Structure formats: C-alpha cells, structure tokens
N, C-alpha and C. Protein backbone atom coordinates (compact mmCIF):
# COMPACT_ATOMS: atom_id res chain seq x y z
N MET A 1 11.75 -35.37 8.78
CA MET A 1 11.65 -34.50 9.95
C MET A 1 11.48 -33.06 9.47
N ALA A 2 10.54 -32.34 10.04
CA ALA A 2 10.29 -30.95 9.68
C ALA A 2 11.43 -30.07 10.20
N GLU A 3 11.74 -29.05 9.40
CA GLU A 3 12.79 -28.13 9.83
C GLU A 3 12.26 -27.24 10.94
N THR A 4 13.06 -27.07 11.97
CA THR A 4 12.74 -26.14 13.06
C THR A 4 13.91 -25.19 13.18
N LYS A 5 13.75 -24.21 14.05
CA LYS A 5 14.83 -23.23 14.25
C LYS A 5 16.12 -23.93 14.69
N GLU A 6 15.95 -25.05 15.41
CA GLU A 6 17.13 -25.74 15.94
C GLU A 6 17.84 -26.62 14.91
N ASN A 7 17.09 -27.20 13.95
CA ASN A 7 17.74 -28.17 13.06
C ASN A 7 17.92 -27.69 11.62
N ILE A 8 17.63 -26.42 11.34
CA ILE A 8 17.88 -25.91 9.99
C ILE A 8 19.38 -25.89 9.75
N LYS A 9 19.80 -26.32 8.58
CA LYS A 9 21.22 -26.33 8.23
C LYS A 9 21.56 -24.99 7.60
N TYR A 10 21.97 -24.04 8.43
CA TYR A 10 22.25 -22.70 7.94
C TYR A 10 23.44 -22.67 7.00
N GLY A 11 24.38 -23.57 7.20
CA GLY A 11 25.53 -23.61 6.32
C GLY A 11 25.16 -23.95 4.89
N ASP A 12 24.02 -24.64 4.72
CA ASP A 12 23.54 -25.00 3.38
C ASP A 12 22.74 -23.88 2.73
N GLN A 13 22.46 -22.83 3.48
CA GLN A 13 21.65 -21.72 2.97
C GLN A 13 22.48 -20.82 2.08
N ASP A 14 21.84 -20.30 1.05
CA ASP A 14 22.49 -19.31 0.19
C ASP A 14 21.79 -17.98 0.42
N PRO A 15 22.46 -17.02 1.05
CA PRO A 15 21.83 -15.72 1.31
C PRO A 15 21.34 -15.03 0.04
N GLN A 16 21.90 -15.40 -1.09
CA GLN A 16 21.47 -14.79 -2.35
C GLN A 16 19.98 -15.03 -2.59
N ASN A 17 19.47 -16.19 -2.16
CA ASN A 17 18.04 -16.47 -2.30
C ASN A 17 17.19 -15.45 -1.54
N TYR A 18 17.66 -15.07 -0.36
CA TYR A 18 16.93 -14.07 0.43
C TYR A 18 16.95 -12.71 -0.26
N TRP A 19 18.12 -12.35 -0.77
CA TRP A 19 18.23 -11.05 -1.45
C TRP A 19 17.34 -11.01 -2.69
N LEU A 20 17.28 -12.10 -3.43
CA LEU A 20 16.41 -12.15 -4.61
C LEU A 20 14.94 -12.04 -4.21
N GLN A 21 14.58 -12.70 -3.13
CA GLN A 21 13.20 -12.61 -2.64
C GLN A 21 12.89 -11.17 -2.20
N LEU A 22 13.83 -10.52 -1.54
CA LEU A 22 13.61 -9.13 -1.11
C LEU A 22 13.45 -8.20 -2.32
N GLU A 23 14.23 -8.43 -3.37
CA GLU A 23 14.08 -7.63 -4.60
C GLU A 23 12.70 -7.84 -5.20
N ARG A 24 12.23 -9.07 -5.23
CA ARG A 24 10.90 -9.37 -5.76
C ARG A 24 9.83 -8.68 -4.94
N LEU A 25 9.98 -8.71 -3.63
CA LEU A 25 9.01 -8.05 -2.75
C LEU A 25 9.02 -6.53 -2.96
N GLU A 26 10.20 -5.96 -3.17
CA GLU A 26 10.29 -4.52 -3.43
C GLU A 26 9.55 -4.15 -4.71
N ARG A 27 9.65 -5.00 -5.72
CA ARG A 27 8.91 -4.74 -6.97
C ARG A 27 7.40 -4.80 -6.73
N LEU A 28 6.96 -5.72 -5.89
CA LEU A 28 5.53 -5.80 -5.56
C LEU A 28 5.06 -4.56 -4.80
N ILE A 29 5.90 -4.05 -3.91
CA ILE A 29 5.57 -2.82 -3.19
C ILE A 29 5.42 -1.67 -4.18
N ARG A 30 6.36 -1.55 -5.10
CA ARG A 30 6.28 -0.48 -6.11
C ARG A 30 5.04 -0.64 -6.98
N ALA A 31 4.70 -1.88 -7.33
CA ALA A 31 3.51 -2.11 -8.17
C ALA A 31 2.24 -1.69 -7.44
N SER A 32 2.13 -2.00 -6.17
CA SER A 32 0.93 -1.61 -5.42
C SER A 32 0.84 -0.09 -5.32
N GLU A 33 1.97 0.57 -5.10
CA GLU A 33 1.96 2.02 -5.00
C GLU A 33 1.68 2.67 -6.35
N LEU A 34 2.13 2.06 -7.43
CA LEU A 34 1.83 2.58 -8.76
C LEU A 34 0.33 2.50 -9.02
N LYS A 35 -0.27 1.37 -8.68
CA LYS A 35 -1.72 1.23 -8.87
C LYS A 35 -2.48 2.27 -8.06
N ALA A 36 -2.10 2.45 -6.81
CA ALA A 36 -2.76 3.45 -5.97
C ALA A 36 -2.57 4.84 -6.54
N GLY A 37 -1.38 5.12 -7.07
CA GLY A 37 -1.11 6.43 -7.67
C GLY A 37 -1.96 6.69 -8.90
N VAL A 38 -2.15 5.66 -9.72
CA VAL A 38 -2.98 5.81 -10.93
C VAL A 38 -4.43 6.09 -10.53
N ILE A 39 -4.93 5.34 -9.56
CA ILE A 39 -6.30 5.55 -9.10
C ILE A 39 -6.45 6.96 -8.53
N PHE A 40 -5.50 7.37 -7.71
CA PHE A 40 -5.55 8.71 -7.12
C PHE A 40 -5.51 9.79 -8.20
N SER A 41 -4.66 9.62 -9.20
CA SER A 41 -4.57 10.59 -10.30
C SER A 41 -5.88 10.69 -11.06
N PHE A 42 -6.49 9.56 -11.32
CA PHE A 42 -7.77 9.56 -12.04
C PHE A 42 -8.83 10.29 -11.23
N HIS A 43 -8.91 9.98 -9.93
CA HIS A 43 -9.87 10.67 -9.07
C HIS A 43 -9.60 12.18 -9.06
N SER A 44 -8.34 12.56 -8.98
CA SER A 44 -7.99 13.98 -8.97
C SER A 44 -8.45 14.66 -10.25
N LEU A 45 -8.25 14.01 -11.37
CA LEU A 45 -8.67 14.57 -12.65
C LEU A 45 -10.19 14.75 -12.70
N ILE A 46 -10.93 13.73 -12.34
CA ILE A 46 -12.39 13.79 -12.39
C ILE A 46 -12.93 14.82 -11.38
N LEU A 47 -12.37 14.82 -10.16
CA LEU A 47 -12.81 15.81 -9.18
C LEU A 47 -12.49 17.23 -9.64
N GLY A 48 -11.34 17.40 -10.27
CA GLY A 48 -10.97 18.71 -10.81
C GLY A 48 -11.95 19.18 -11.87
N LEU A 49 -12.34 18.28 -12.76
CA LEU A 49 -13.34 18.63 -13.78
C LEU A 49 -14.68 18.97 -13.13
N PHE A 50 -15.05 18.21 -12.12
CA PHE A 50 -16.31 18.45 -11.42
C PHE A 50 -16.31 19.83 -10.77
N VAL A 51 -15.26 20.15 -10.04
CA VAL A 51 -15.17 21.45 -9.36
C VAL A 51 -15.10 22.58 -10.38
N ASP A 52 -14.39 22.37 -11.48
CA ASP A 52 -14.25 23.39 -12.51
C ASP A 52 -15.60 23.75 -13.13
N ARG A 53 -16.49 22.80 -13.22
CA ARG A 53 -17.81 23.01 -13.84
C ARG A 53 -18.94 23.00 -12.80
N LEU A 54 -18.61 23.32 -11.58
CA LEU A 54 -19.59 23.27 -10.50
C LEU A 54 -20.78 24.19 -10.73
N ASP A 55 -20.57 25.38 -11.33
CA ASP A 55 -21.70 26.29 -11.57
C ASP A 55 -22.71 25.65 -12.52
N TYR A 56 -22.24 24.88 -13.49
CA TYR A 56 -23.16 24.19 -14.40
C TYR A 56 -23.95 23.12 -13.64
N PHE A 57 -23.25 22.39 -12.77
CA PHE A 57 -23.91 21.31 -12.04
C PHE A 57 -24.88 21.83 -10.98
N GLN A 58 -24.66 23.04 -10.47
CA GLN A 58 -25.56 23.59 -9.45
C GLN A 58 -26.99 23.69 -9.97
N ALA A 59 -27.14 24.11 -11.21
CA ALA A 59 -28.48 24.18 -11.80
C ALA A 59 -29.08 22.78 -11.91
N LEU A 60 -28.26 21.82 -12.27
CA LEU A 60 -28.72 20.43 -12.37
C LEU A 60 -29.15 19.90 -11.00
N PHE A 61 -28.38 20.23 -9.96
CA PHE A 61 -28.72 19.79 -8.61
C PHE A 61 -30.02 20.43 -8.14
N ALA A 62 -30.23 21.68 -8.52
CA ALA A 62 -31.46 22.39 -8.12
C ALA A 62 -32.69 21.77 -8.79
N GLU A 63 -32.51 21.23 -9.97
CA GLU A 63 -33.64 20.63 -10.71
C GLU A 63 -34.03 19.26 -10.17
N SER A 64 -33.07 18.51 -9.63
CA SER A 64 -33.36 17.13 -9.26
C SER A 64 -32.66 16.72 -7.98
N ILE A 65 -33.45 16.31 -7.01
CA ILE A 65 -32.90 15.80 -5.75
C ILE A 65 -32.19 14.47 -5.97
N VAL A 66 -32.64 13.70 -6.96
CA VAL A 66 -32.02 12.40 -7.27
C VAL A 66 -30.58 12.61 -7.72
N VAL A 67 -30.36 13.59 -8.59
CA VAL A 67 -29.00 13.89 -9.06
C VAL A 67 -28.14 14.37 -7.90
N LEU A 68 -28.72 15.19 -7.02
CA LEU A 68 -27.98 15.68 -5.86
C LEU A 68 -27.57 14.53 -4.95
N ILE A 69 -28.47 13.61 -4.70
CA ILE A 69 -28.16 12.45 -3.84
C ILE A 69 -27.11 11.56 -4.51
N LEU A 70 -27.27 11.29 -5.79
CA LEU A 70 -26.28 10.46 -6.50
C LEU A 70 -24.91 11.14 -6.53
N ALA A 71 -24.90 12.46 -6.71
CA ALA A 71 -23.62 13.19 -6.71
C ALA A 71 -22.97 13.14 -5.34
N GLY A 72 -23.77 13.27 -4.29
CA GLY A 72 -23.24 13.15 -2.93
C GLY A 72 -22.67 11.76 -2.68
N LEU A 73 -23.39 10.75 -3.15
CA LEU A 73 -22.91 9.37 -3.03
C LEU A 73 -21.61 9.18 -3.81
N TRP A 74 -21.57 9.74 -5.01
CA TRP A 74 -20.37 9.64 -5.84
C TRP A 74 -19.17 10.27 -5.13
N ILE A 75 -19.35 11.47 -4.59
CA ILE A 75 -18.24 12.15 -3.89
C ILE A 75 -17.80 11.34 -2.68
N LEU A 76 -18.74 10.79 -1.93
CA LEU A 76 -18.40 9.97 -0.78
C LEU A 76 -17.58 8.74 -1.20
N LEU A 77 -18.01 8.07 -2.25
CA LEU A 77 -17.28 6.89 -2.74
C LEU A 77 -15.89 7.25 -3.23
N VAL A 78 -15.77 8.39 -3.90
CA VAL A 78 -14.46 8.85 -4.37
C VAL A 78 -13.54 9.12 -3.18
N LEU A 79 -14.06 9.78 -2.15
CA LEU A 79 -13.25 10.07 -0.96
C LEU A 79 -12.81 8.80 -0.25
N VAL A 80 -13.69 7.81 -0.18
CA VAL A 80 -13.31 6.53 0.44
C VAL A 80 -12.22 5.85 -0.39
N SER A 81 -12.37 5.88 -1.70
CA SER A 81 -11.36 5.29 -2.58
C SER A 81 -10.01 5.99 -2.41
N ILE A 82 -10.04 7.32 -2.33
CA ILE A 82 -8.80 8.08 -2.12
C ILE A 82 -8.19 7.74 -0.76
N TYR A 83 -9.02 7.58 0.25
CA TYR A 83 -8.54 7.19 1.58
C TYR A 83 -7.73 5.89 1.49
N TYR A 84 -8.27 4.90 0.77
CA TYR A 84 -7.55 3.63 0.65
C TYR A 84 -6.29 3.76 -0.21
N CYS A 85 -6.28 4.70 -1.14
CA CYS A 85 -5.03 4.98 -1.87
C CYS A 85 -3.96 5.45 -0.90
N PHE A 86 -4.33 6.38 -0.01
CA PHE A 86 -3.36 6.86 0.99
C PHE A 86 -2.94 5.75 1.93
N ARG A 87 -3.87 4.87 2.29
CA ARG A 87 -3.51 3.75 3.16
C ARG A 87 -2.49 2.84 2.49
N CYS A 88 -2.54 2.75 1.18
CA CYS A 88 -1.54 1.95 0.46
C CYS A 88 -0.16 2.57 0.63
N PHE A 89 -0.10 3.90 0.56
CA PHE A 89 1.19 4.57 0.69
C PHE A 89 1.70 4.53 2.12
N MET A 90 0.81 4.48 3.09
CA MET A 90 1.21 4.49 4.50
C MET A 90 0.41 3.44 5.28
N PRO A 91 0.72 2.15 5.09
CA PRO A 91 -0.04 1.14 5.83
C PRO A 91 0.26 1.23 7.33
N ARG A 92 -0.77 1.06 8.12
CA ARG A 92 -0.59 1.09 9.58
C ARG A 92 -0.44 -0.33 10.07
N MET A 93 0.67 -0.56 10.76
CA MET A 93 0.95 -1.91 11.22
C MET A 93 1.62 -1.84 12.58
N VAL A 94 1.30 -2.78 13.44
CA VAL A 94 1.98 -2.92 14.71
C VAL A 94 2.86 -4.15 14.59
N LEU A 95 4.15 -3.93 14.68
CA LEU A 95 5.10 -5.01 14.46
C LEU A 95 6.02 -5.13 15.66
N ASN A 96 6.23 -6.34 16.10
CA ASN A 96 7.14 -6.59 17.22
C ASN A 96 8.21 -7.58 16.78
N TYR A 97 9.32 -7.05 16.38
CA TYR A 97 10.46 -7.87 15.99
C TYR A 97 11.66 -7.44 16.82
N LYS A 98 12.59 -8.37 17.01
CA LYS A 98 13.83 -7.96 17.68
C LYS A 98 14.60 -7.07 16.71
N SER A 99 15.53 -6.30 17.24
CA SER A 99 16.31 -5.39 16.40
C SER A 99 17.00 -6.17 15.29
N ASN A 100 17.01 -5.56 14.11
CA ASN A 100 17.52 -6.23 12.92
C ASN A 100 18.34 -5.22 12.12
N VAL A 101 19.55 -5.58 11.75
CA VAL A 101 20.42 -4.64 11.04
C VAL A 101 19.88 -4.27 9.67
N PHE A 102 18.91 -5.03 9.15
CA PHE A 102 18.37 -4.74 7.82
C PHE A 102 17.08 -3.91 7.87
N PHE A 103 16.52 -3.68 9.07
CA PHE A 103 15.36 -2.80 9.19
C PHE A 103 15.88 -1.37 9.22
N PHE A 104 15.37 -0.52 8.34
CA PHE A 104 15.97 0.80 8.20
C PHE A 104 15.89 1.62 9.49
N ARG A 105 14.81 1.55 10.25
CA ARG A 105 14.74 2.32 11.50
C ARG A 105 15.69 1.73 12.55
N ASP A 106 15.78 0.42 12.58
CA ASP A 106 16.71 -0.20 13.52
C ASP A 106 18.15 0.18 13.20
N ALA A 107 18.47 0.24 11.92
CA ALA A 107 19.84 0.61 11.52
C ALA A 107 20.21 1.98 12.08
N ILE A 108 19.23 2.85 12.21
CA ILE A 108 19.49 4.20 12.71
C ILE A 108 19.41 4.27 14.23
N TYR A 109 18.38 3.65 14.82
CA TYR A 109 18.08 3.88 16.23
C TYR A 109 18.41 2.73 17.18
N ALA A 110 18.42 1.50 16.73
CA ALA A 110 18.52 0.38 17.66
C ALA A 110 19.95 0.01 18.04
N PHE A 111 20.91 0.46 17.28
CA PHE A 111 22.28 -0.01 17.52
C PHE A 111 23.21 1.10 17.99
N GLY A 112 22.67 2.17 18.50
CA GLY A 112 23.53 3.24 19.00
C GLY A 112 24.16 4.03 17.88
N ASP A 113 25.43 4.32 18.04
CA ASP A 113 26.12 5.14 17.04
C ASP A 113 26.54 4.28 15.84
N VAL A 114 27.16 4.92 14.88
CA VAL A 114 27.54 4.24 13.65
C VAL A 114 28.55 3.12 13.90
N ASP A 115 29.44 3.31 14.85
CA ASP A 115 30.43 2.27 15.14
C ASP A 115 29.77 1.01 15.71
N GLU A 116 28.79 1.20 16.59
CA GLU A 116 28.07 0.06 17.15
C GLU A 116 27.25 -0.65 16.06
N PHE A 117 26.63 0.15 15.17
CA PHE A 117 25.89 -0.45 14.07
C PHE A 117 26.84 -1.25 13.17
N ASN A 118 27.99 -0.65 12.82
CA ASN A 118 28.96 -1.34 11.96
C ASN A 118 29.37 -2.68 12.56
N LYS A 119 29.63 -2.69 13.86
CA LYS A 119 30.03 -3.91 14.55
C LYS A 119 28.92 -4.97 14.42
N ASN A 120 27.69 -4.59 14.71
CA ASN A 120 26.56 -5.53 14.61
C ASN A 120 26.34 -5.99 13.17
N TYR A 121 26.46 -5.08 12.24
CA TYR A 121 26.25 -5.41 10.83
C TYR A 121 27.30 -6.42 10.35
N ILE A 122 28.55 -6.16 10.67
CA ILE A 122 29.64 -7.06 10.26
C ILE A 122 29.48 -8.43 10.92
N GLU A 123 29.10 -8.44 12.20
CA GLU A 123 28.88 -9.72 12.89
C GLU A 123 27.74 -10.50 12.25
N THR A 124 26.66 -9.80 11.94
CA THR A 124 25.50 -10.46 11.33
C THR A 124 25.87 -11.03 9.96
N CYS A 125 26.53 -10.23 9.15
CA CYS A 125 26.89 -10.69 7.80
C CYS A 125 27.95 -11.78 7.83
N GLY A 126 28.72 -11.86 8.91
CA GLY A 126 29.76 -12.88 9.02
C GLY A 126 29.26 -14.20 9.58
N ASP A 127 28.06 -14.21 10.14
CA ASP A 127 27.48 -15.42 10.73
C ASP A 127 26.31 -15.85 9.86
N ILE A 128 26.47 -16.92 9.09
CA ILE A 128 25.46 -17.34 8.12
C ILE A 128 24.11 -17.60 8.79
N LYS A 129 24.12 -18.15 10.00
CA LYS A 129 22.85 -18.41 10.70
C LYS A 129 22.15 -17.09 11.02
N GLU A 130 22.87 -16.16 11.61
CA GLU A 130 22.27 -14.87 11.97
C GLU A 130 21.86 -14.09 10.72
N LEU A 131 22.68 -14.16 9.68
CA LEU A 131 22.35 -13.49 8.42
C LEU A 131 21.04 -14.03 7.85
N CYS A 132 20.90 -15.34 7.80
CA CYS A 132 19.67 -15.95 7.27
C CYS A 132 18.46 -15.61 8.13
N LEU A 133 18.63 -15.61 9.44
CA LEU A 133 17.52 -15.27 10.33
C LEU A 133 17.06 -13.82 10.12
N GLU A 134 18.01 -12.90 10.05
CA GLU A 134 17.63 -11.49 9.90
C GLU A 134 17.07 -11.20 8.51
N LEU A 135 17.62 -11.85 7.49
CA LEU A 135 17.06 -11.67 6.14
C LEU A 135 15.66 -12.27 6.06
N SER A 136 15.45 -13.42 6.71
CA SER A 136 14.11 -14.01 6.67
C SER A 136 13.11 -13.15 7.43
N GLN A 137 13.55 -12.48 8.50
CA GLN A 137 12.66 -11.52 9.17
C GLN A 137 12.30 -10.37 8.23
N GLN A 138 13.26 -9.92 7.47
CA GLN A 138 13.01 -8.84 6.52
C GLN A 138 12.02 -9.29 5.44
N VAL A 139 12.16 -10.51 4.97
CA VAL A 139 11.20 -11.06 3.99
C VAL A 139 9.81 -11.10 4.62
N HIS A 140 9.73 -11.52 5.87
CA HIS A 140 8.44 -11.61 6.55
C HIS A 140 7.79 -10.24 6.69
N ILE A 141 8.53 -9.25 7.14
CA ILE A 141 7.95 -7.92 7.34
C ILE A 141 7.54 -7.31 6.01
N GLU A 142 8.35 -7.46 4.98
CA GLU A 142 7.98 -6.90 3.68
C GLU A 142 6.75 -7.61 3.11
N SER A 143 6.62 -8.89 3.39
CA SER A 143 5.42 -9.62 2.95
C SER A 143 4.18 -9.08 3.65
N LYS A 144 4.30 -8.77 4.93
CA LYS A 144 3.18 -8.17 5.66
C LYS A 144 2.83 -6.79 5.08
N ILE A 145 3.85 -6.01 4.78
CA ILE A 145 3.62 -4.68 4.21
C ILE A 145 2.90 -4.81 2.87
N ILE A 146 3.36 -5.72 2.04
CA ILE A 146 2.74 -5.92 0.73
C ILE A 146 1.29 -6.36 0.89
N ASP A 147 1.03 -7.25 1.82
CA ASP A 147 -0.34 -7.70 2.05
C ASP A 147 -1.24 -6.51 2.39
N LYS A 148 -0.79 -5.64 3.28
CA LYS A 148 -1.59 -4.46 3.66
C LYS A 148 -1.76 -3.52 2.47
N LYS A 149 -0.70 -3.32 1.71
CA LYS A 149 -0.77 -2.41 0.57
C LYS A 149 -1.74 -2.92 -0.49
N PHE A 150 -1.65 -4.19 -0.83
CA PHE A 150 -2.54 -4.73 -1.85
C PHE A 150 -3.99 -4.80 -1.35
N ALA A 151 -4.19 -5.04 -0.07
CA ALA A 151 -5.56 -5.01 0.48
C ALA A 151 -6.14 -3.60 0.33
N SER A 152 -5.33 -2.59 0.59
CA SER A 152 -5.79 -1.20 0.43
C SER A 152 -6.06 -0.88 -1.03
N VAL A 153 -5.19 -1.34 -1.93
CA VAL A 153 -5.41 -1.10 -3.36
C VAL A 153 -6.70 -1.78 -3.81
N GLN A 154 -6.93 -3.01 -3.36
CA GLN A 154 -8.16 -3.72 -3.74
C GLN A 154 -9.40 -2.95 -3.29
N LEU A 155 -9.37 -2.44 -2.06
CA LEU A 155 -10.52 -1.67 -1.57
C LEU A 155 -10.67 -0.37 -2.34
N SER A 156 -9.55 0.26 -2.67
CA SER A 156 -9.61 1.50 -3.46
C SER A 156 -10.22 1.23 -4.83
N ILE A 157 -9.82 0.14 -5.46
CA ILE A 157 -10.38 -0.22 -6.77
C ILE A 157 -11.88 -0.52 -6.64
N LYS A 158 -12.25 -1.21 -5.59
CA LYS A 158 -13.67 -1.53 -5.37
C LYS A 158 -14.50 -0.25 -5.27
N TYR A 159 -14.05 0.69 -4.44
CA TYR A 159 -14.80 1.94 -4.28
C TYR A 159 -14.72 2.80 -5.54
N PHE A 160 -13.61 2.69 -6.25
CA PHE A 160 -13.50 3.39 -7.54
C PHE A 160 -14.56 2.87 -8.50
N ALA A 161 -14.70 1.56 -8.58
CA ALA A 161 -15.69 0.96 -9.50
C ALA A 161 -17.11 1.37 -9.12
N VAL A 162 -17.41 1.34 -7.84
CA VAL A 162 -18.75 1.72 -7.40
C VAL A 162 -18.99 3.21 -7.64
N SER A 163 -17.95 4.04 -7.45
CA SER A 163 -18.11 5.48 -7.73
C SER A 163 -18.35 5.71 -9.22
N PHE A 164 -17.71 4.90 -10.04
CA PHE A 164 -17.91 5.01 -11.49
C PHE A 164 -19.35 4.63 -11.85
N ILE A 165 -19.88 3.61 -11.20
CA ILE A 165 -21.28 3.23 -11.42
C ILE A 165 -22.22 4.37 -11.01
N ALA A 166 -21.92 5.01 -9.88
CA ALA A 166 -22.74 6.15 -9.44
C ALA A 166 -22.68 7.27 -10.47
N LEU A 167 -21.51 7.50 -11.05
CA LEU A 167 -21.35 8.54 -12.08
C LEU A 167 -22.17 8.18 -13.32
N ILE A 168 -22.15 6.93 -13.71
CA ILE A 168 -22.95 6.49 -14.87
C ILE A 168 -24.44 6.65 -14.58
N LEU A 169 -24.86 6.34 -13.36
CA LEU A 169 -26.27 6.53 -13.00
C LEU A 169 -26.68 8.00 -13.09
N ILE A 170 -25.79 8.88 -12.67
CA ILE A 170 -26.07 10.33 -12.79
C ILE A 170 -26.25 10.69 -14.26
N LEU A 171 -25.33 10.23 -15.10
CA LEU A 171 -25.42 10.54 -16.53
C LEU A 171 -26.69 9.96 -17.15
N LEU A 172 -27.02 8.72 -16.81
CA LEU A 172 -28.25 8.11 -17.33
C LEU A 172 -29.49 8.89 -16.89
N TYR A 173 -29.53 9.25 -15.63
CA TYR A 173 -30.67 10.02 -15.13
C TYR A 173 -30.78 11.35 -15.87
N TRP A 174 -29.64 11.99 -16.07
CA TRP A 174 -29.61 13.28 -16.75
C TRP A 174 -30.11 13.15 -18.20
N VAL A 175 -29.64 12.11 -18.90
CA VAL A 175 -30.04 11.90 -20.30
C VAL A 175 -31.52 11.53 -20.40
N ILE A 176 -32.00 10.69 -19.51
CA ILE A 176 -33.38 10.19 -19.61
C ILE A 176 -34.41 11.20 -19.09
N PHE A 177 -34.14 11.81 -17.95
CA PHE A 177 -35.17 12.61 -17.29
C PHE A 177 -34.99 14.12 -17.39
N LEU A 178 -33.84 14.59 -17.76
CA LEU A 178 -33.65 16.05 -17.76
C LEU A 178 -33.38 16.59 -19.14
C-alpha cells in the first residue's frame, strides 16, 4: 500500500533525516550562488578591462562595422549572463504554503509576537507528525529554490559561453582583417 498523508507512520520517522536533507540543500544553494558569483566576477573583470581601454577600441570600431556589431553582441550577451547571475541570488517564486515555524518570514510575521511563536514552535517540535510535516515542507521549498537557482546559473553559463565565442570572433576578425 502506498503511503499517504493519512497512513504514514510518523512515530517511525527520524527528524534527523530531515535536518540532514536541509543541510545538504543549503550546501547546494551556496554552491549555486558561488558559481553565479564567479561568473559575475569574471564578467566584471572583463568589462572593466574593456571600459578601461575604450579609447583604443573606439578606433577599432571606427575602422570596422563588423567589430562594432560583434562588440555590441558581446556586451548584450554579457548583460544577459549577468542578469541570470542576479536571478540566481534572488529567484522569483510564488509560493503558497500554510504558515510554518521553520520558514524564516513566517517565524517573524505569521505567529504574532515572540510568545505566540514560541508556543507554536514548541508544539510543533513536540508533535512528531507536525514536526515531520513542517520539515518536509521546508525540504520542498528549498528544493524549489535550488531548482530556480541552478536553472539561472545554467542560463548564465550558457550566455557566458556564447559571449566568450563572440569575444573570440572579435579577436579573430581583428587578427585576420585589421
């Protein structure tokens, strides 16, 4: 028989499993943000070098419309990649969950004052069924967050790679034709 909300044996559950899963998910969140940060830093470095030497590139742009178009394409791709880096740091999600003592905003706003929160928190932690339900909701929401973050990182990497190709095309054109 498949487990349903009604027939799960909550007394057999070990909340430690949920906490370990939440720790694993937190590491994945940090990993996605680290990747986005590295990509953003690299873009910042390259854009800084580009702006620093803009007077040199202006003469190059004046000589060739192809280089100007490729440079415009490169800047556009870099900006799109940076946009997805920011989306990793701040994923937009619409979530509808009941109040949960483990959701940080709910802990502050959903339970009234600190005494009301303490009462709900102690009740939740004292009831294995409620504890497992709220921890599993937390696992679910963090999994959704991670999915959005890694999707943004993947798109950022994709646009980063294409921007790098555009940069190589500029260099090849410069070496061959100018």
